[in-house]
């Protein structure tokens, strides 16, 4: 697990299209053909595995781009291979030749899957998704929320259902907080706890942004924040999703978005995006992949150009970020 009320016109058309293109998006088509196997397994080519996060991303993108066939294939694979738990959450990690090698859930994958089903039923009118998002959301609320040690009446989104911390200490992955999804699922399923978690999550992200680059992982304690032992330190592949999710939630002026823009662009050469910083903010790694650059462009309010050539030129994770950023930009004002 240590890795990294919508109703708008574009999503009511059969496909979300790029500017200047009619019909299906070439970028989505290429992403689907590269990373979704015939049986619906979303393949992370860099890690050589499949995971619940990838299936959740695939479902969301298939819905956003109007690809019902891909949506059904991706969901079918998730049902057959990852929905192995007694609850409605997914096992996190699947490896070729071995099957599920980590049955614990990763909450972000479940959140995306629930949200994709809500959108599929509500916005696309696809039969078969009615109630699925609500059911997953109820288990997220029941199993993946933890009391904030600093404010026991407020809830934090836990990275996993089985993740038990010592009293007064809660492990958090800030990039799992997608306020819009939490809020829409909470409203649809009448789960007030998810709406409160969305609100408290945006407050938590603002607090973390004041301390420097957004951490990939942090432990919330009664006394404040601390770096969790045995988890990656610094700000890198997980944290880069924080500005994406905040902009998607209609919060482009959030302090964490502005902080992320600085973190992604400062001290970099032309064409490069900072994708790895130490806890003190010092630069540890950059990339020229368009997907990472798209997050900086989204944070800066610049138009994102997601074309097939850009999808072809990069591996699974930045290619996925590029499409998610395009969808987020299209939907941010809704």
Protein backbone atom coordinates (compact mmCIF):
# COMPACT_ATOMS: atom_id res chain seq x y z
CA UNK A 1 0.00 0.00 0.00
CA UNK A 2 3.06 2.31 0.17
CA UNK A 3 3.02 3.56 -3.42
CA UNK A 4 2.09 6.24 -4.77
CA UNK A 5 -23.96 17.62 -7.91
CA UNK A 6 -22.01 16.95 -11.35
CA UNK A 7 -24.24 17.55 -14.41
CA UNK A 8 -22.44 19.38 -17.19
CA UNK A 9 -22.90 19.36 -20.92
CA UNK A 10 -19.62 17.71 -22.00
CA UNK A 11 -20.37 14.61 -19.95
CA UNK A 12 -23.85 14.23 -21.39
CA UNK A 13 -22.38 13.70 -24.85
CA UNK A 14 -21.19 10.21 -25.82
CA UNK A 15 -17.55 11.15 -25.27
CA UNK A 16 -15.60 13.95 -23.69
CA UNK A 17 -13.66 15.31 -26.67
CA UNK A 18 -10.53 17.34 -26.95
CA UNK A 19 -10.79 20.85 -28.41
CA UNK A 20 -10.72 20.65 -32.17
CA UNK A 21 -11.81 17.01 -32.29
CA UNK A 22 -15.23 15.58 -33.02
CA UNK A 23 -16.26 12.28 -31.53
CA UNK A 24 -14.25 10.11 -29.13
CA UNK A 25 -11.05 11.50 -27.65
CA UNK A 26 -7.97 10.02 -29.34
CA UNK A 27 -6.10 10.40 -26.05
CA UNK A 28 -8.65 8.30 -24.15
CA UNK A 29 -8.76 5.71 -26.91
CA UNK A 30 -4.99 5.29 -26.83
CA UNK A 31 -4.90 5.18 -23.01
CA UNK A 32 -7.56 2.48 -23.04
CA UNK A 33 -5.79 0.47 -25.71
CA UNK A 34 -2.42 0.74 -23.96
CA UNK A 35 -3.41 0.12 -20.36
CA UNK A 36 -6.72 -1.80 -20.32
CA UNK A 37 -6.45 -5.47 -21.20
CA UNK A 38 -9.20 -7.25 -23.11
CA UNK A 39 -10.55 -8.67 -19.86
CA UNK A 40 -10.72 -5.22 -18.21
CA UNK A 41 -7.57 -5.33 -16.10
CA UNK A 42 -5.91 -1.91 -15.86
CA UNK A 43 -2.17 -2.49 -16.13
CA UNK A 44 0.43 -0.38 -14.35
CA UNK A 45 3.34 -0.95 -16.71
CA UNK A 46 6.01 0.56 -14.45
CA UNK A 47 5.16 -1.53 -11.39
CA UNK A 48 4.18 -4.56 -13.43
CA UNK A 49 1.00 -5.03 -11.40
CA UNK A 50 -2.66 -4.07 -11.26
CA UNK A 51 -4.25 -2.37 -8.27
CA UNK A 52 -7.55 -1.08 -6.98
CA UNK A 53 -6.49 2.51 -7.64
CA UNK A 54 -5.99 1.70 -11.33
CA UNK A 55 -9.39 0.02 -11.64
CA UNK A 56 -10.97 3.04 -9.95
CA UNK A 57 -9.21 5.48 -12.26
CA UNK A 58 -10.19 3.38 -15.27
CA UNK A 59 -13.86 3.34 -14.27
CA UNK A 60 -13.92 7.10 -13.73
CA UNK A 61 -12.21 7.85 -17.03
CA UNK A 62 -14.41 5.41 -18.96
CA UNK A 63 -17.50 7.13 -17.55
CA UNK A 64 -16.17 10.62 -18.21
CA UNK A 65 -15.30 9.76 -21.82
CA UNK A 66 -18.58 7.89 -22.35
CA UNK A 67 -17.06 4.46 -23.01
CA UNK A 68 -19.66 2.03 -21.65
CA UNK A 69 -17.91 -1.08 -22.96
CA UNK A 70 -14.63 -0.22 -21.24
CA UNK A 71 -16.49 0.69 -18.04
CA UNK A 72 -18.22 -2.68 -17.93
CA UNK A 73 -15.00 -4.61 -18.65
CA UNK A 74 -13.04 -2.76 -15.97
CA UNK A 75 -15.80 -3.28 -13.39
CA UNK A 76 -16.15 -6.95 -14.29
CA UNK A 77 -12.44 -7.55 -13.73
CA UNK A 78 -12.53 -5.70 -10.41
CA UNK A 79 -15.52 -7.76 -9.32
CA UNK A 80 -13.89 -11.06 -10.23
CA UNK A 81 -10.36 -10.40 -9.00
CA UNK A 82 -10.31 -7.65 -6.36
CA UNK A 83 -13.75 -7.80 -4.71
CA UNK A 84 -12.60 -10.69 -2.52
CA UNK A 85 -13.27 -9.13 0.87
CA UNK A 86 -16.31 -9.65 3.07
CA UNK A 87 -17.13 -5.97 2.75
CA UNK A 88 -17.62 -4.01 -0.51
CA UNK A 89 -14.05 -2.73 -0.65
CA UNK A 90 -11.36 -4.09 -2.96
CA UNK A 91 -8.12 -5.85 -2.26
CA UNK A 92 -5.32 -3.51 -3.23
CA UNK A 93 -2.67 -5.45 -5.16
CA UNK A 94 -2.86 -8.07 -7.93
CA UNK A 95 0.22 -9.56 -9.58
CA UNK A 96 0.39 -11.60 -12.81
CA UNK A 97 0.75 -15.29 -12.08
CA UNK A 98 -0.05 -14.82 -8.40
CA UNK A 99 -3.38 -13.06 -8.18
CA UNK A 100 -4.14 -10.89 -5.15
CA UNK A 101 -0.97 -10.47 -3.11
CA UNK A 102 -2.36 -7.82 -0.75
CA UNK A 103 -6.00 -8.20 0.24
CA UNK A 104 -6.04 -5.02 2.34
CA UNK A 105 -7.92 -2.17 0.71
CA UNK A 106 -6.52 1.19 -0.37
CA UNK A 107 -9.26 3.73 0.27
CA UNK A 108 -8.56 5.92 -2.75
CA UNK A 109 -9.29 3.05 -5.14
CA UNK A 110 -12.59 2.35 -3.42
CA UNK A 111 -13.47 6.04 -3.42
CA UNK A 112 -12.90 6.34 -7.17
CA UNK A 113 -14.88 3.16 -7.87
CA UNK A 114 -17.83 4.35 -5.77
CA UNK A 115 -17.77 7.79 -7.40
CA UNK A 116 -17.55 6.30 -10.89
CA UNK A 117 -20.68 4.21 -10.25
CA UNK A 118 -22.53 7.20 -8.82
CA UNK A 119 -21.69 9.23 -11.93
CA UNK A 120 -22.50 6.34 -14.26
CA UNK A 121 -26.03 6.03 -12.84
CA UNK A 122 -26.69 9.72 -12.24
CA UNK A 123 -24.99 11.45 -15.17
CA UNK A 124 -24.71 8.78 -17.87
CA UNK A 125 -27.90 6.84 -17.14
CA UNK A 126 -26.10 3.50 -17.33
CA UNK A 127 -28.13 0.63 -15.94
CA UNK A 128 -26.36 -1.63 -13.47
CA UNK A 129 -24.64 1.10 -11.49
CA UNK A 130 -27.67 2.19 -9.48
CA UNK A 131 -26.92 1.83 -5.80
CA UNK A 132 -23.40 0.45 -6.23
CA UNK A 133 -21.75 3.72 -5.37
CA UNK A 134 -23.94 4.10 -2.30
CA UNK A 135 -23.09 0.60 -1.08
CA UNK A 136 -19.33 1.13 -1.41
CA UNK A 137 -19.63 4.56 0.18
CA UNK A 138 -21.37 3.09 3.22
CA UNK A 139 -18.46 0.72 3.79
CA UNK A 140 -15.94 3.52 3.33
CA UNK A 141 -17.81 5.50 5.97
CA UNK A 142 -18.08 2.52 8.30
CA UNK A 143 -14.53 1.20 7.95
CA UNK A 144 -12.22 3.92 6.62
CA UNK A 145 -12.83 6.95 8.81
CA UNK A 146 -10.89 7.75 11.97
CA UNK A 147 -11.35 10.42 14.62
CA UNK A 148 -8.90 13.30 14.39
CA UNK A 149 -6.90 13.15 17.65
CA UNK A 150 -6.91 16.96 17.79
CA UNK A 151 -10.69 17.23 17.26
CA UNK A 152 -12.42 13.93 18.13
CA UNK A 153 -15.75 15.01 16.61
CA UNK A 154 -14.10 15.32 13.18
CA UNK A 155 -13.13 12.43 10.91
CA UNK A 156 -10.02 11.76 8.85
CA UNK A 157 -9.96 9.50 5.80
CA UNK A 158 -7.90 6.46 6.69
CA UNK A 159 -5.74 4.84 3.98
CA UNK A 160 -7.22 1.42 4.76
CA UNK A 161 -9.89 -0.38 6.76
CA UNK A 162 -7.46 -2.56 8.71
CA UNK A 163 -4.96 0.19 9.39
CA UNK A 164 -4.92 0.48 13.17
CA UNK A 165 -2.74 3.11 14.81
CA UNK A 166 -1.94 3.65 18.44
CA UNK A 167 -4.36 5.84 20.45
CA UNK A 168 -4.02 9.49 19.61
CA UNK A 169 -2.20 8.85 16.31
CA UNK A 170 -3.77 8.48 12.83
CA UNK A 171 -1.87 7.77 9.61
CA UNK A 172 -3.08 9.84 6.65
CA UNK A 173 -2.23 9.95 2.97
CA UNK A 174 -3.24 13.50 1.95
CA UNK A 175 -3.61 12.47 -1.69
CA UNK A 176 -6.51 10.16 -0.81
CA UNK A 177 -8.66 13.19 0.06
CA UNK A 178 -10.92 13.96 -2.90
CA UNK A 179 -13.45 16.41 -1.41
CA UNK A 180 -15.81 16.39 -4.38
CA UNK A 181 -16.17 12.62 -4.45
CA UNK A 182 -16.65 12.41 -0.68
CA UNK A 183 -19.25 15.15 -0.74
CA UNK A 184 -21.22 13.82 -3.74
CA UNK A 185 -21.24 10.29 -2.35
CA UNK A 186 -22.27 11.59 1.06
CA UNK A 187 -25.13 13.58 -0.42
CA UNK A 188 -26.30 10.73 -2.69
CA UNK A 189 -26.25 8.11 0.06
CA UNK A 190 -27.27 10.47 2.90
CA UNK A 191 -24.01 9.82 4.78
CA UNK A 192 -23.27 12.99 6.71
CA UNK A 193 -19.94 11.60 7.92
CA UNK A 194 -18.54 11.66 4.38
CA UNK A 195 -19.60 15.27 3.86
CA UNK A 196 -17.97 16.25 7.16
CA UNK A 197 -14.85 14.31 6.15
CA UNK A 198 -14.69 16.28 2.92
CA UNK A 199 -14.90 19.56 4.82
CA UNK A 200 -12.39 18.53 7.46
CA UNK A 201 -10.08 17.14 4.79
CA UNK A 202 -9.85 20.50 3.05
CA UNK A 203 -8.96 22.08 6.40
CA UNK A 204 -6.29 19.44 7.03
CA UNK A 205 -4.74 20.04 3.61
CA UNK A 206 -4.59 23.79 4.29
CA UNK A 207 -2.82 23.13 7.57
CA UNK A 208 -0.29 20.82 5.94
CA UNK A 209 0.37 23.31 3.13
CA UNK A 210 1.53 25.88 5.67
CA UNK A 211 4.42 23.63 6.68
CA UNK A 212 6.00 23.21 3.24
CA UNK A 213 5.66 20.68 0.43
CA UNK A 214 2.67 18.39 0.85
CA UNK A 215 3.85 15.09 2.38
CA UNK A 216 3.07 11.76 0.75
CA UNK A 217 2.29 10.38 4.21
CA UNK A 218 1.79 12.05 7.57
CA UNK A 219 0.72 11.01 11.04
CA UNK A 220 -1.83 13.21 12.79
CA UNK A 221 -1.33 13.28 16.55
CA UNK A 222 -2.80 15.16 19.49
CA UNK A 223 0.21 17.48 19.32
CA UNK A 224 0.09 18.05 15.55
CA UNK A 225 1.84 16.35 12.64
CA UNK A 226 4.79 13.99 12.50
CA UNK A 227 6.61 11.96 9.87
CA UNK A 228 5.47 8.33 10.10
CA UNK A 229 8.17 5.73 10.48
CA UNK A 230 8.34 2.97 7.85
CA UNK A 231 6.55 5.14 5.28
CA UNK A 232 8.09 7.20 2.47
CA UNK A 233 9.23 10.64 3.49
CA UNK A 234 9.09 13.75 1.36
CA UNK A 235 6.65 14.94 -1.28
CA UNK A 236 6.48 13.01 -4.53
CA UNK A 237 4.25 10.74 -6.58
CA UNK A 238 1.36 10.58 -4.11
CA UNK A 239 1.33 14.24 -3.10
CA UNK A 240 1.19 15.41 -6.73
CA UNK A 241 -2.46 14.36 -6.78
CA UNK A 242 -3.50 16.83 -4.06
CA UNK A 243 -3.78 19.90 -6.36
CA UNK A 244 -5.52 17.74 -8.98
CA UNK A 245 -8.24 16.71 -6.55
CA UNK A 246 -8.67 20.18 -5.05
CA UNK A 247 -9.02 21.84 -8.46
CA UNK A 248 -11.46 19.09 -9.48
CA UNK A 249 -13.43 19.97 -6.35
CA UNK A 250 -13.69 23.62 -7.41
CA UNK A 251 -11.00 24.84 -5.00
CA UNK A 252 -8.26 26.31 -7.22
CA UNK A 253 -7.44 29.02 -4.65
CA UNK A 254 -6.90 26.51 -1.84
CA UNK A 255 -3.54 27.06 -0.10
CA UNK A 256 -2.42 23.53 -0.97
CA UNK A 257 -2.92 24.24 -4.69
CA UNK A 258 -0.80 27.35 -4.52
CA UNK A 259 1.85 25.57 -2.47
CA UNK A 260 1.87 22.68 -4.95
CA UNK A 261 2.36 25.02 -7.88
CA UNK A 262 5.48 26.39 -6.24
CA UNK A 263 6.70 22.91 -5.38
CA UNK A 264 6.17 21.63 -8.92
CA UNK A 265 7.86 24.53 -10.70
CA UNK A 266 10.57 26.11 -8.53
CA UNK A 267 14.23 25.36 -9.27
CA UNK A 268 13.42 23.37 -12.42
CA UNK A 269 14.84 23.59 -15.92
CA UNK A 270 12.61 24.48 -18.89
CA UNK A 271 10.29 21.58 -19.74
CA UNK A 272 10.81 19.88 -16.38
CA UNK A 273 8.41 19.37 -13.47
CA UNK A 274 9.59 18.70 -9.93
CA UNK A 275 8.13 15.36 -8.87
CA UNK A 276 10.18 14.56 -5.78
CA UNK A 277 11.17 16.84 -2.92
CA UNK A 278 12.61 16.07 0.49
CA UNK A 279 10.82 17.11 3.67
CA UNK A 280 12.82 20.32 3.76
CA UNK A 281 11.74 21.18 0.21
CA UNK A 282 15.04 20.42 -1.50
CA UNK A 283 14.66 19.02 -5.01
CA UNK A 284 15.29 15.29 -5.42
CA UNK A 285 13.82 14.53 -8.85
CA UNK A 286 12.25 16.02 -11.97
CA UNK A 287 10.43 14.68 -15.03
CA UNK A 288 9.62 15.83 -18.55
CA UNK A 289 6.50 13.62 -18.76
CA UNK A 290 3.47 15.68 -19.87
CA UNK A 291 1.23 14.16 -17.19
CA UNK A 292 3.16 15.72 -14.35
CA UNK A 293 3.36 19.03 -16.20
CA UNK A 294 -0.43 18.93 -16.63
CA UNK A 295 -0.89 19.05 -12.85
CA UNK A 296 1.18 22.24 -12.70
CA UNK A 297 -0.80 23.70 -15.60
CA UNK A 298 -4.07 22.83 -13.86
CA UNK A 299 -2.87 24.47 -10.64
CA UNK A 300 -1.84 27.56 -12.61
CA UNK A 301 -5.19 27.78 -14.40
CA UNK A 302 -3.71 27.11 -17.84
CA UNK A 303 -5.44 24.96 -20.44
CA UNK A 304 -4.32 21.35 -20.56
CA UNK A 305 -3.52 19.76 -23.88
CA UNK A 306 -4.13 16.02 -23.64
CA UNK A 307 -3.47 14.44 -27.01
CA UNK A 308 -2.69 10.93 -28.17
CA UNK A 309 0.97 11.74 -28.75
CA UNK A 310 1.36 12.74 -25.11
CA UNK A 311 -0.32 9.52 -23.95
CA UNK A 312 1.98 7.47 -26.16
CA UNK A 313 5.12 9.17 -24.84
CA UNK A 314 4.80 8.30 -21.16
CA UNK A 315 4.09 5.37 -18.84
CA UNK A 316 0.86 4.52 -17.04
CA UNK A 317 0.94 6.87 -14.06
CA UNK A 318 1.70 10.23 -15.74
CA UNK A 319 -0.50 9.25 -18.70
CA UNK A 320 -3.34 8.65 -16.25
CA UNK A 321 -2.71 11.94 -14.47
CA UNK A 322 -2.90 13.74 -17.81
CA UNK A 323 -6.38 12.40 -18.57
CA UNK A 324 -7.59 12.93 -15.01
CA UNK A 325 -6.35 16.53 -15.16
CA UNK A 326 -8.23 17.10 -18.42
CA UNK A 327 -11.45 15.76 -16.93
CA UNK A 328 -10.90 17.78 -13.75
CA UNK A 329 -10.44 20.97 -15.78
CA UNK A 330 -13.62 20.30 -17.77
CA UNK A 331 -15.64 19.68 -14.63
CA UNK A 332 -14.08 22.11 -12.14
CA UNK A 333 -16.77 24.75 -12.51
CA UNK A 334 -19.72 22.39 -12.23
